[in-house]
Amino acid sequence: MIWQNEESRAIHPTAAGLLLLGRSPETFFPQVRIAANAFGGKERGEPIDREDIRDPLPIAIERTFQFLKRNMRHTTRIEGFSKVEIHEYPYEALREAVVNAVAHRDYDLAGSSIRVEKYADRIEIVSPGLPPEPITLQKIERLDYIACSRNPNLARGLSFFERIEEQGDGLRRIVRESEGIGLSRPQFQFRDGHFKVIFFAPEDILMLKSQGARPVFEVPGHLLANLSETQRTIIKQLIKRQTVKVPELAVELNVTPQAIRKAIMPLIEARLVVQEGKARGTTYSLKEGLPE
């Protein structure tokens, strides 16, 4: 991160030090920029969201990831007595692609910046510079290459901030994470001196696998075994809807309001259900996360 002048003994930051830790790295490296744009359609047009990111690389990576995260689709899917989050693209693969772009780009190309573009049907991450020899596009497509870094000090420094391995297994991880949730294999391209990674959107987001290790909501097995049929039906209704009231549940389950209140109290005590409001305004909803 630093070097010392042998004559003056003065301490100076290295290029990697400025890029990783400098307050304003673009002062010395104007090309340190990530142009992030989100378009509403499948082609370029007026962006619906955009950011011009010029921060130190660890912050720039996080800002870029959050940009992609807020511009992709998210939904939930009911799986039995669980509700899981589904994301349009794999978080780990996207972050890996952004890290690779900033770690291995050619910083000597002063007039070029990293481009991150979100379209309705894909995400493109374009980095200035081609992989160093002897890596070829054919080897990358086969994922059969021995990794080498153009900026080894930068990659080593980023390993302290990001889950990046200096062995250079990033492209394999991008493919593995994408295919692992049910997406098409990402595409790698060389174009006009730039390296491009393309992620393709799913045809049906609900067909993707959940990326989270923990569901948004789940009834643990030991609690599920002790629930009555009425309580199970209440849970299923709450999973489908954000909030419900006792009269609504009574009509749907064809039981009395008193029976609903009696059945729902153990669910509240088990921290599966949350009660809000009073009297006729009382509503019930699921407690997000797993019960303690």
Foldseek 3Di string as FASTA:
>chain_A
DWDADPPVRDIGDDLLCCLAPNAQSCVVQVQQWEWEFEPEAADDDDGPDIDIDRGRVLVSLVVNLVVVQVRWDKDWDDDQLFIAIFTQFQSLLSSLLSLCQVFAADSVPRVHYWYWYHHPWKIKTKHAADADPPDDLVCLVVVNDFDDGPHLVNQVVCVVRDVGDSRPCSSVVNQCRGVVFPFDGWHWDQDPRMIMTMGTTDPDRVSTHGPDPFGQAHDDPVRVVPADPLLSVVSVVQSVDFKDFLVVSCVVVVHDSVVVVVRCVVCVVQQQKDWDDDDRPIMIHGDTTYGD
